[in-house]
Amino acid sequence: MNKWCLGEFFTLADIAVGCTLGYLDLRFPEIDWRRSQPHLSELYDRLMQRPTFMDTAAKS
């Protein structure tokens, strides 16, 4: 499994996916994407450990 979307390096793809998943959590909490997409869930958790994602995460 890759660490990031496109392999071992953090790219714009990771930012786009992270923003999209954060939006899903904020606006559509009834969609349980984490259960059906465990790799995306792991990626999102990894992204949320980065200071830039923590500082800009939407507050519900």
Protein backbone atom coordinates (compact mmCIF):
# COMPACT_ATOMS: atom_id res chain seq x y z
CA MET A 1 0.00 0.00 0.00
CA ASN A 2 1.21 3.50 -0.84
CA LYS A 3 1.80 6.01 1.92
CA TRP A 4 0.18 8.76 -0.19
CA CYS A 5 -2.14 8.83 -3.21
CA LEU A 6 0.66 8.56 -5.76
CA GLY A 7 3.27 6.61 -3.84
CA GLU A 8 5.83 7.74 -1.31
CA PHE A 9 5.54 11.49 -1.90
CA PHE A 10 2.91 13.94 -0.68
CA THR A 11 1.34 15.67 -3.71
CA LEU A 12 -1.53 17.91 -4.74
CA ALA A 13 -3.59 14.74 -5.19
CA ASP A 14 -3.41 14.13 -1.43
CA ILE A 15 -4.59 17.66 -0.73
CA ALA A 16 -7.52 17.27 -3.13
CA VAL A 17 -8.56 13.92 -1.68
CA GLY A 18 -8.17 15.18 1.88
CA CYS A 19 -10.32 18.23 1.21
CA THR A 20 -12.99 16.10 -0.44
CA LEU A 21 -13.12 13.61 2.41
CA GLY A 22 -13.22 16.40 4.98
CA TYR A 23 -16.13 17.95 3.08
CA LEU A 24 -17.97 14.62 3.10
CA ASP A 25 -17.52 14.37 6.86
CA LEU A 26 -18.73 17.94 7.38
CA ARG A 27 -21.69 18.12 4.99
CA PHE A 28 -22.75 14.48 4.65
CA PRO A 29 -22.02 12.73 7.95
CA GLU A 30 -24.64 10.08 7.09
CA ILE A 31 -22.39 8.74 4.31
CA ASP A 32 -20.23 6.09 5.96
CA TRP A 33 -17.37 6.23 3.46
CA ARG A 34 -14.83 5.08 6.05
CA ARG A 35 -16.34 1.61 6.36
CA SER A 36 -16.45 0.96 2.63
CA GLN A 37 -13.11 2.67 1.88
CA PRO A 38 -10.61 1.66 4.58
CA HIS A 39 -7.56 2.78 2.58
CA LEU A 40 -9.03 6.26 2.13
CA SER A 41 -9.83 6.33 5.83
CA GLU A 42 -6.20 5.55 6.66
CA LEU A 43 -5.02 8.22 4.23
CA TYR A 44 -7.38 10.79 5.74
CA ASP A 45 -6.19 9.96 9.26
CA ARG A 46 -2.58 10.35 8.10
CA LEU A 47 -3.40 13.69 6.45
CA MET A 48 -5.11 14.96 9.58
CA GLN A 49 -1.85 14.48 11.50
CA ARG A 50 -0.19 17.13 9.32
CA PRO A 51 -0.21 20.59 10.91
CA THR A 52 -1.52 22.23 7.73
CA PHE A 53 -4.57 19.97 7.70
CA MET A 54 -5.15 20.32 11.43
CA ASP A 55 -5.00 24.13 11.19
CA THR A 56 -7.44 24.34 8.28
CA ALA A 57 -9.91 21.58 9.17
CA ALA A 58 -13.54 22.69 9.13
CA LYS A 59 -15.12 22.96 12.53
CA SER A 60 -18.70 21.66 12.57
